[in-house]
Amino acid sequence: MCSKQNDIDVIVGRVLRRTRLASGHTMTSLAAQCGVTHQQLQKYESGSNRVSVSRLFILSNALGIPPAELIDQVQELLGRDRSDPVDSAWHRLQFAKPEHCRKIISGLASVRDTEVLQSVLNLLAVLDQNEGRVER
């Protein structure tokens, strides 16, 4: 159960932001496509304004995913422990630039040599353990 009334609003906002970034939309482009201001979308993503069901349908349509998928992601996060490493990784991903994410995913998808791919995955695991800090 949520500790505060607005916990769900914050999680809905987090899911919207994550989905927007993954889709490559800027806040301005998505807001324009949905008929809201940049500031209103910012308030939705921060959880300070509640997203109505009708607005959720409009947003999900603009993002190219079914509304049920957004709701499933919200339900998943509601049940997840706040210290969950997957949630922590998503939080860090919020600060990544979408074009960098696309290049990384595209690059990984093009690797055909399984040993090279495993080396990259090992490197990513080390970076994750060190939170990106290089130890000297």
C-alpha atoms as a PDB file:
ATOM      1  CA  MET A   1       0.000   0.000   0.000  1.00  0.00           C
ATOM      2  CA  CYS A   2       1.174   3.543  -0.662  1.00  0.00           C
ATOM      3  CA  SER A   3       2.388   5.611   2.252  1.00  0.00           C
ATOM      4  CA  LYS A   4       1.077   8.862   0.764  1.00  0.00           C
ATOM      5  CA  GLN A   5      -1.859   9.666  -1.462  1.00  0.00           C
ATOM      6  CA  ASN A   6       0.414  11.050  -4.178  1.00  0.00           C
ATOM      7  CA  ASP A   7       2.820   8.085  -4.329  1.00  0.00           C
ATOM      8  CA  ILE A   8       0.832   6.687  -7.242  1.00  0.00           C
ATOM      9  CA  ASP A   9       0.935  10.055  -9.014  1.00  0.00           C
ATOM     10  CA  VAL A  10       4.722  10.151  -8.613  1.00  0.00           C
ATOM     11  CA  ILE A  11       5.065   6.620  -9.970  1.00  0.00           C
ATOM     12  CA  VAL A  12       2.754   7.386 -12.916  1.00  0.00           C
ATOM     13  CA  GLY A  13       4.960  10.389 -13.640  1.00  0.00           C
ATOM     14  CA  ARG A  14       8.101   8.286 -13.410  1.00  0.00           C
ATOM     15  CA  VAL A  15       6.667   5.754 -15.866  1.00  0.00           C
ATOM     16  CA  LEU A  16       5.613   8.522 -18.254  1.00  0.00           C
ATOM     17  CA  ARG A  17       9.080  10.085 -18.145  1.00  0.00           C
ATOM     18  CA  ARG A  18      10.837   6.756 -18.616  1.00  0.00           C
ATOM     19  CA  THR A  19       8.577   5.882 -21.548  1.00  0.00           C
ATOM     20  CA  ARG A  20       8.951   9.326 -23.112  1.00  0.00           C
ATOM     21  CA  LEU A  21      12.745   9.142 -22.930  1.00  0.00           C
ATOM     22  CA  ALA A  22      12.788   5.613 -24.342  1.00  0.00           C
ATOM     23  CA  SER A  23      10.591   6.724 -27.250  1.00  0.00           C
ATOM     24  CA  GLY A  24      12.912   9.626 -28.078  1.00  0.00           C
ATOM     25  CA  HIS A  25      10.312  12.346 -27.486  1.00  0.00           C
ATOM     26  CA  THR A  26      11.334  15.618 -25.919  1.00  0.00           C
ATOM     27  CA  MET A  27       9.053  17.041 -23.285  1.00  0.00           C
ATOM     28  CA  THR A  28       8.108  19.837 -25.684  1.00  0.00           C
ATOM     29  CA  SER A  29       7.293  17.529 -28.612  1.00  0.00           C
ATOM     30  CA  LEU A  30       5.165  15.166 -26.523  1.00  0.00           C
ATOM     31  CA  ALA A  31       3.331  18.044 -24.848  1.00  0.00           C
ATOM     32  CA  ALA A  32       2.519  19.609 -28.224  1.00  0.00           C
ATOM     33  CA  GLN A  33       1.339  16.296 -29.640  1.00  0.00           C
ATOM     34  CA  CYS A  34      -0.967  15.791 -26.632  1.00  0.00           C
ATOM     35  CA  GLY A  35      -2.333  19.327 -26.496  1.00  0.00           C
ATOM     36  CA  VAL A  36      -0.824  20.303 -23.149  1.00  0.00           C
ATOM     37  CA  THR A  37       1.872  22.772 -22.213  1.00  0.00           C
ATOM     38  CA  HIS A  38       5.454  21.798 -21.516  1.00  0.00           C
ATOM     39  CA  GLN A  39       4.873  22.871 -17.903  1.00  0.00           C
ATOM     40  CA  GLN A  40       1.792  20.659 -17.574  1.00  0.00           C
ATOM     41  CA  LEU A  41       3.689  17.620 -18.848  1.00  0.00           C
ATOM     42  CA  GLN A  42       6.502  18.459 -16.442  1.00  0.00           C
ATOM     43  CA  LYS A  43       3.967  18.456 -13.586  1.00  0.00           C
ATOM     44  CA  TYR A  44       2.598  15.092 -14.731  1.00  0.00           C
ATOM     45  CA  GLU A  45       6.110  13.619 -14.840  1.00  0.00           C
ATOM     46  CA  SER A  46       7.005  14.973 -11.406  1.00  0.00           C
ATOM     47  CA  GLY A  47       3.761  13.677  -9.904  1.00  0.00           C
ATOM     48  CA  SER A  48       2.658  17.107  -8.734  1.00  0.00           C
ATOM     49  CA  ASN A  49      -0.400  16.959 -11.046  1.00  0.00           C
ATOM     50  CA  ARG A  50      -2.570  13.890 -11.363  1.00  0.00           C
ATOM     51  CA  VAL A  51      -3.013  12.370 -14.839  1.00  0.00           C
ATOM     52  CA  SER A  52      -6.662  11.712 -15.704  1.00  0.00           C
ATOM     53  CA  VAL A  53      -7.628   8.488 -17.438  1.00  0.00           C
ATOM     54  CA  SER A  54      -8.507  10.366 -20.624  1.00  0.00           C
ATOM     55  CA  ARG A  55      -5.137  12.152 -20.591  1.00  0.00           C
ATOM     56  CA  LEU A  56      -3.376   8.827 -19.942  1.00  0.00           C
ATOM     57  CA  PHE A  57      -4.989   7.456 -23.116  1.00  0.00           C
ATOM     58  CA  ILE A  58      -3.858  10.504 -25.104  1.00  0.00           C
ATOM     59  CA  LEU A  59      -0.302  10.274 -23.727  1.00  0.00           C
ATOM     60  CA  SER A  60      -0.002   6.530 -24.308  1.00  0.00           C
ATOM     61  CA  ASN A  61      -1.293   6.917 -27.867  1.00  0.00           C
ATOM     62  CA  ALA A  62       1.322   9.613 -28.557  1.00  0.00           C
ATOM     63  CA  LEU A  63       4.005   7.369 -27.036  1.00  0.00           C
ATOM     64  CA  GLY A  64       2.878   4.473 -29.224  1.00  0.00           C
ATOM     65  CA  ILE A  65       1.989   2.046 -26.437  1.00  0.00           C
ATOM     66  CA  PRO A  66      -1.305   0.771 -25.034  1.00  0.00           C
ATOM     67  CA  PRO A  67      -2.550   2.485 -21.850  1.00  0.00           C
ATOM     68  CA  ALA A  68      -2.620  -0.915 -20.143  1.00  0.00           C
ATOM     69  CA  GLU A  69       1.151  -1.176 -20.587  1.00  0.00           C
ATOM     70  CA  LEU A  70       1.666   2.084 -18.699  1.00  0.00           C
ATOM     71  CA  ILE A  71      -0.651   0.876 -15.936  1.00  0.00           C
ATOM     72  CA  ASP A  72       1.184  -2.468 -15.757  1.00  0.00           C
ATOM     73  CA  GLN A  73       4.468  -0.609 -15.288  1.00  0.00           C
ATOM     74  CA  VAL A  74       2.909   1.497 -12.515  1.00  0.00           C
ATOM     75  CA  GLN A  75       1.601  -1.631 -10.780  1.00  0.00           C
ATOM     76  CA  GLU A  76       5.017  -3.253 -11.059  1.00  0.00           C
ATOM     77  CA  LEU A  77       6.728  -0.252  -9.465  1.00  0.00           C
ATOM     78  CA  LEU A  78       4.129  -0.068  -6.694  1.00  0.00           C
ATOM     79  CA  GLY A  79       4.995  -3.610  -5.691  1.00  0.00           C
ATOM     80  CA  ARG A  80       8.744  -3.149  -5.952  1.00  0.00           C
ATOM     81  CA  ASP A  81      10.999  -2.487  -3.015  1.00  0.00           C
ATOM     82  CA  ARG A  82      12.520   1.007  -3.258  1.00  0.00           C
ATOM     83  CA  SER A  83      16.005  -0.488  -2.902  1.00  0.00           C
ATOM     84  CA  ASP A  84      15.482  -2.740  -5.913  1.00  0.00           C
ATOM     85  CA  PRO A  85      18.548  -2.500  -8.194  1.00  0.00           C
ATOM     86  CA  VAL A  86      16.369  -2.514 -11.322  1.00  0.00           C
ATOM     87  CA  ASP A  87      14.503   0.569 -10.080  1.00  0.00           C
ATOM     88  CA  SER A  88      17.856   2.160  -9.233  1.00  0.00           C
ATOM     89  CA  ALA A  89      19.120   1.473 -12.756  1.00  0.00           C
ATOM     90  CA  TRP A  90      16.000   3.060 -14.252  1.00  0.00           C
ATOM     91  CA  HIS A  91      16.511   6.083 -12.015  1.00  0.00           C
ATOM     92  CA  ARG A  92      20.061   6.487 -13.326  1.00  0.00           C
ATOM     93  CA  LEU A  93      18.828   6.002 -16.893  1.00  0.00           C
ATOM     94  CA  GLN A  94      16.587   9.061 -16.506  1.00  0.00           C
ATOM     95  CA  PHE A  95      19.717  11.180 -16.763  1.00  0.00           C
ATOM     96  CA  ALA A  96      20.984   9.506 -19.935  1.00  0.00           C
ATOM     97  CA  LYS A  97      20.426  11.216 -23.248  1.00  0.00           C
ATOM     98  CA  PRO A  98      18.009   9.306 -25.520  1.00  0.00           C
ATOM     99  CA  GLU A  99      20.384   9.493 -28.484  1.00  0.00           C
ATOM    100  CA  HIS A 100      23.129   7.868 -26.387  1.00  0.00           C
ATOM    101  CA  CYS A 101      20.761   5.094 -25.312  1.00  0.00           C
ATOM    102  CA  ARG A 102      19.764   4.431 -28.923  1.00  0.00           C
ATOM    103  CA  LYS A 103      23.424   4.273 -29.999  1.00  0.00           C
ATOM    104  CA  ILE A 104      24.264   1.864 -27.175  1.00  0.00           C
ATOM    105  CA  ILE A 105      21.322  -0.413 -27.935  1.00  0.00           C
ATOM    106  CA  SER A 106      22.002  -0.300 -31.668  1.00  0.00           C
ATOM    107  CA  GLY A 107      25.664  -1.060 -31.083  1.00  0.00           C
ATOM    108  CA  LEU A 108      24.907  -4.004 -28.806  1.00  0.00           C
ATOM    109  CA  ALA A 109      22.344  -5.375 -31.251  1.00  0.00           C
ATOM    110  CA  SER A 110      24.925  -5.363 -34.048  1.00  0.00           C
ATOM    111  CA  VAL A 111      27.529  -7.399 -32.117  1.00  0.00           C
ATOM    112  CA  ARG A 112      27.650 -10.909 -33.597  1.00  0.00           C
ATOM    113  CA  ASP A 113      30.609 -12.287 -31.654  1.00  0.00           C
ATOM    114  CA  THR A 114      29.302 -13.752 -28.379  1.00  0.00           C
ATOM    115  CA  GLU A 115      32.677 -13.346 -26.658  1.00  0.00           C
ATOM    116  CA  VAL A 116      32.760  -9.634 -27.498  1.00  0.00           C
ATOM    117  CA  LEU A 117      29.178  -9.254 -26.295  1.00  0.00           C
ATOM    118  CA  GLN A 118      30.013 -11.048 -23.043  1.00  0.00           C
ATOM    119  CA  SER A 119      33.017  -8.748 -22.538  1.00  0.00           C
ATOM    120  CA  VAL A 120      30.800  -5.698 -23.001  1.00  0.00           C
ATOM    121  CA  LEU A 121      28.273  -7.122 -20.524  1.00  0.00           C
ATOM    122  CA  ASN A 122      31.068  -7.779 -18.028  1.00  0.00           C
ATOM    123  CA  LEU A 123      32.283  -4.196 -18.440  1.00  0.00           C
ATOM    124  CA  LEU A 124      28.758  -2.883 -17.852  1.00  0.00           C
ATOM    125  CA  ALA A 125      28.451  -5.016 -14.717  1.00  0.00           C
ATOM    126  CA  VAL A 126      31.711  -3.576 -13.349  1.00  0.00           C
ATOM    127  CA  LEU A 127      30.600  -0.033 -14.172  1.00  0.00           C
ATOM    128  CA  ASP A 128      27.280  -0.675 -12.446  1.00  0.00           C
ATOM    129  CA  GLN A 129      29.013  -1.994  -9.319  1.00  0.00           C
ATOM    130  CA  ASN A 130      31.223   1.085  -9.208  1.00  0.00           C
ATOM    131  CA  GLU A 131      28.363   3.377 -10.298  1.00  0.00           C
ATOM    132  CA  GLY A 132      30.472   4.484 -13.246  1.00  0.00           C
ATOM    133  CA  ARG A 133      33.502   5.485 -11.154  1.00  0.00           C
ATOM    134  CA  VAL A 134      36.876   4.300 -12.378  1.00  0.00           C
ATOM    135  CA  GLU A 135      39.041   3.029  -9.547  1.00  0.00           C
ATOM    136  CA  ARG A 136      42.714   3.835  -9.826  1.00  0.00           C
END
